[in-house]
Amino acid sequence: MTGHVLHPHNRETNPAHDPFLDHPVPSSPGDVAAIRDINLAAFPSPHEADLVEALRADPQAWLPGMSWLAEAPGGELAGYALLTRCHVGDSPALALGPCAVRPEHQRRGAGSAAIRAALRAAREQGENLVVVLGHAEYYPRFGFTPASGYGIRPPFDVEDKYMMALAFDPERPVPSGVIRYPAAFGV
């Protein structure tokens, strides 16, 4: 598995920030079980945990450096974010999700830290477009806007505000069309 662990910054050097700041460090192959545990704890069914495993097994979907963890101050792996290859029309893009945080660490920055690190890695690797299906009140903090504004739509019916996209460089062309998710998503 390729991924990174986010270690908290020292509060003495930066006391104004919460403990889940993004100082990325490569994770070890042993994180596979912890990622499953995070997803099992965060969701009411094993669907998301199984989805991560299916995406990991798909060489066309799984991308090196796009699986991220956030570490709690005590060392426990607390949050997770994953970007995988998808397409908009015939153009490559990334799909964000599953994203998960252990319940005892929710609303403390673990998810945001993992997502910000994943997005930063995508940008650094030259990616330009990320799509996400999720909470319309949460994902805009990362720069996501309704995907329909780019002419992007999902392959299923969903209220417009829940299907979002983020283009890192507005000067680069952004493809339009229907999102084609990896087969593991089942759509």
Protein backbone atom coordinates (compact mmCIF):
# COMPACT_ATOMS: atom_id res chain seq x y z
CA MET A 1 0.00 0.00 0.00
CA THR A 2 1.19 3.48 -0.76
CA GLY A 3 0.06 6.25 1.54
CA HIS A 4 1.11 8.73 4.13
CA VAL A 5 0.57 9.35 7.80
CA LEU A 6 -0.06 12.86 9.05
CA HIS A 7 1.76 13.52 12.29
CA PRO A 8 0.52 16.30 14.55
CA HIS A 9 2.67 19.39 14.87
CA ASN A 10 4.06 20.24 18.27
CA ARG A 11 1.60 22.50 20.12
CA GLU A 12 4.54 24.40 21.60
CA THR A 13 5.63 25.52 18.13
CA ASN A 14 2.12 26.15 16.84
CA PRO A 15 -0.40 26.29 19.71
CA ALA A 16 -3.18 27.89 17.66
CA HIS A 17 -3.75 24.83 15.50
CA ASP A 18 -5.63 21.67 16.30
CA PRO A 19 -3.66 18.42 16.67
CA PHE A 20 -4.38 17.05 13.18
CA LEU A 21 -2.08 19.24 11.13
CA ASP A 22 -0.70 17.87 7.92
CA HIS A 23 2.93 16.88 8.17
CA PRO A 24 2.91 13.92 5.77
CA VAL A 25 5.07 10.86 6.30
CA PRO A 26 4.85 7.68 4.18
CA SER A 27 2.76 4.97 5.81
CA SER A 28 3.79 1.36 6.13
CA PRO A 29 2.19 -1.64 4.41
CA GLY A 30 0.82 -2.55 7.84
CA ASP A 31 -1.73 0.28 7.58
CA VAL A 32 -4.13 -1.80 5.44
CA ALA A 33 -5.83 -3.26 8.53
CA ALA A 34 -5.98 0.15 10.25
CA ILE A 35 -7.62 1.69 7.17
CA ARG A 36 -10.24 -1.04 7.22
CA ASP A 37 -10.79 -0.50 10.95
CA ILE A 38 -11.23 3.27 10.47
CA ASN A 39 -13.84 2.71 7.76
CA LEU A 40 -15.64 0.05 9.79
CA ALA A 41 -15.78 2.38 12.79
CA ALA A 42 -16.92 5.39 10.77
CA PHE A 43 -19.77 3.81 8.80
CA PRO A 44 -22.77 1.65 9.77
CA SER A 45 -21.93 -1.09 7.24
CA PRO A 46 -18.73 -2.61 5.83
CA HIS A 47 -19.48 -1.19 2.35
CA GLU A 48 -16.84 1.58 2.46
CA ALA A 49 -14.18 -0.70 3.98
CA ASP A 50 -14.87 -3.27 1.26
CA LEU A 51 -14.79 -0.52 -1.38
CA VAL A 52 -11.31 0.58 -0.29
CA GLU A 53 -10.07 -3.01 -0.56
CA ALA A 54 -11.64 -3.44 -4.02
CA LEU A 55 -10.12 -0.16 -5.21
CA ARG A 56 -6.71 -1.19 -3.86
CA ALA A 57 -6.97 -4.38 -5.92
CA ASP A 58 -7.76 -2.46 -9.15
CA PRO A 59 -4.52 -1.29 -10.82
CA GLN A 60 -6.45 1.09 -13.08
CA ALA A 61 -8.05 2.84 -10.09
CA TRP A 62 -5.38 2.73 -7.36
CA LEU A 63 -2.75 5.45 -7.66
CA PRO A 64 0.51 5.64 -5.69
CA GLY A 65 0.55 8.38 -3.07
CA MET A 66 -3.22 8.98 -3.05
CA SER A 67 -4.14 7.05 0.12
CA TRP A 68 -3.77 9.22 3.25
CA LEU A 69 -4.11 8.81 6.99
CA ALA A 70 -4.32 11.28 9.87
CA GLU A 71 -2.69 10.32 13.13
CA ALA A 72 -4.15 11.38 16.49
CA PRO A 73 -1.84 12.98 19.08
CA GLY A 74 -1.60 9.65 20.94
CA GLY A 75 -0.46 7.84 17.79
CA GLU A 76 -3.74 6.17 16.85
CA LEU A 77 -4.63 6.32 13.16
CA ALA A 78 -7.80 8.38 13.23
CA GLY A 79 -8.78 9.53 9.75
CA TYR A 80 -8.55 8.42 6.14
CA ALA A 81 -8.95 9.91 2.66
CA LEU A 82 -8.57 8.19 -0.69
CA LEU A 83 -8.29 9.49 -4.25
CA THR A 84 -8.66 7.02 -7.12
CA ARG A 85 -8.62 7.33 -10.88
CA CYS A 86 -11.93 8.03 -12.55
CA HIS A 87 -12.80 9.71 -15.85
CA VAL A 88 -15.00 12.60 -16.87
CA GLY A 89 -16.02 11.75 -20.40
CA ASP A 90 -12.77 10.34 -21.78
CA SER A 91 -10.48 12.53 -19.67
CA PRO A 92 -8.72 11.34 -16.51
CA ALA A 93 -9.81 12.80 -13.18
CA LEU A 94 -9.77 11.73 -9.55
CA ALA A 95 -12.61 10.62 -7.28
CA LEU A 96 -12.36 11.53 -3.59
CA GLY A 97 -13.70 8.88 -1.26
CA PRO A 98 -14.14 7.00 0.86
CA CYS A 99 -13.16 9.48 3.53
CA ALA A 100 -13.58 8.29 7.10
CA VAL A 101 -12.80 9.29 10.69
CA ARG A 102 -13.11 7.18 13.81
CA PRO A 103 -16.15 8.45 15.76
CA GLU A 104 -14.09 9.49 18.81
CA HIS A 105 -11.98 11.76 16.57
CA GLN A 106 -14.74 13.28 14.44
CA ARG A 107 -15.09 17.07 14.31
CA ARG A 108 -11.49 17.51 15.46
CA GLY A 109 -9.73 17.95 12.11
CA ALA A 110 -8.59 14.41 11.26
CA GLY A 111 -10.72 14.15 8.13
CA SER A 112 -9.81 17.63 6.96
CA ALA A 113 -6.11 16.93 7.46
CA ALA A 114 -6.24 13.70 5.45
CA ILE A 115 -8.30 15.30 2.66
CA ARG A 116 -6.05 18.37 2.43
CA ALA A 117 -2.96 16.17 2.23
CA ALA A 118 -4.53 13.99 -0.48
CA LEU A 119 -5.53 17.05 -2.50
CA ARG A 120 -2.07 18.54 -2.13
CA ALA A 121 -0.51 15.27 -3.36
CA ALA A 122 -2.84 15.23 -6.37
CA ARG A 123 -1.95 18.80 -7.27
CA GLU A 124 1.78 18.07 -6.87
CA GLN A 125 1.44 15.05 -9.18
CA GLY A 126 -0.07 17.24 -11.90
CA GLU A 127 -3.70 16.23 -11.53
CA ASN A 128 -6.22 18.98 -12.17
CA LEU A 129 -9.72 17.65 -11.48
CA VAL A 130 -11.22 15.92 -8.43
CA VAL A 131 -14.87 14.97 -8.04
CA VAL A 132 -16.69 14.07 -4.85
CA LEU A 133 -20.19 12.98 -3.91
CA GLY A 134 -20.77 14.26 -0.41
CA HIS A 135 -22.05 16.76 2.10
CA ALA A 136 -22.70 20.13 0.46
CA GLU A 137 -21.82 21.89 3.73
CA TYR A 138 -18.47 20.11 4.20
CA TYR A 139 -16.56 19.84 0.92
CA PRO A 140 -16.71 23.50 -0.19
CA ARG A 141 -14.14 24.30 2.55
CA PHE A 142 -11.61 22.51 0.31
CA GLY A 143 -12.64 24.46 -2.80
CA PHE A 144 -15.28 22.10 -4.19
CA THR A 145 -18.24 23.61 -6.06
CA PRO A 146 -21.21 21.96 -7.79
CA ALA A 147 -19.85 19.80 -10.62
CA SER A 148 -22.66 20.97 -12.89
CA GLY A 149 -20.87 24.33 -13.09
CA TYR A 150 -18.19 22.52 -15.13
CA GLY A 151 -20.73 20.53 -17.15
CA ILE A 152 -19.90 17.41 -15.12
CA ARG A 153 -22.62 15.01 -14.03
CA PRO A 154 -22.72 11.67 -12.25
CA PRO A 155 -24.02 8.46 -13.86
CA PHE A 156 -26.95 8.43 -11.42
CA ASP A 157 -29.59 10.82 -10.15
CA VAL A 158 -28.53 12.99 -7.23
CA GLU A 159 -29.36 16.50 -6.10
CA ASP A 160 -26.97 18.92 -7.81
CA LYS A 161 -25.44 20.31 -4.62
CA TYR A 162 -24.08 16.91 -3.54
CA MET A 163 -22.01 16.20 -6.68
CA MET A 164 -19.01 18.51 -6.53
CA ALA A 165 -15.78 19.14 -8.40
CA LEU A 166 -12.50 20.91 -7.74
CA ALA A 167 -10.22 22.17 -10.53
CA PHE A 168 -6.78 23.05 -9.19
CA ASP A 169 -5.81 25.25 -12.14
CA PRO A 170 -8.65 27.19 -13.77
CA GLU A 171 -6.32 28.03 -16.67
CA ARG A 172 -6.16 24.35 -17.68
CA PRO A 173 -9.09 22.87 -19.57
CA VAL A 174 -11.63 21.06 -17.39
CA PRO A 175 -13.43 18.20 -19.11
CA SER A 176 -17.19 17.96 -19.09
CA GLY A 177 -19.47 14.96 -19.35
CA VAL A 178 -20.50 11.97 -17.30
CA ILE A 179 -18.22 10.68 -14.54
CA ARG A 180 -16.99 7.13 -15.07
CA TYR A 181 -16.08 5.65 -11.71
CA PRO A 182 -13.89 2.56 -11.22
CA ALA A 183 -15.86 -0.69 -11.42
CA ALA A 184 -15.60 -1.18 -7.64
CA PHE A 185 -18.07 1.68 -7.11
CA GLY A 186 -20.75 -0.39 -8.85
CA VAL A 187 -22.21 2.46 -10.93
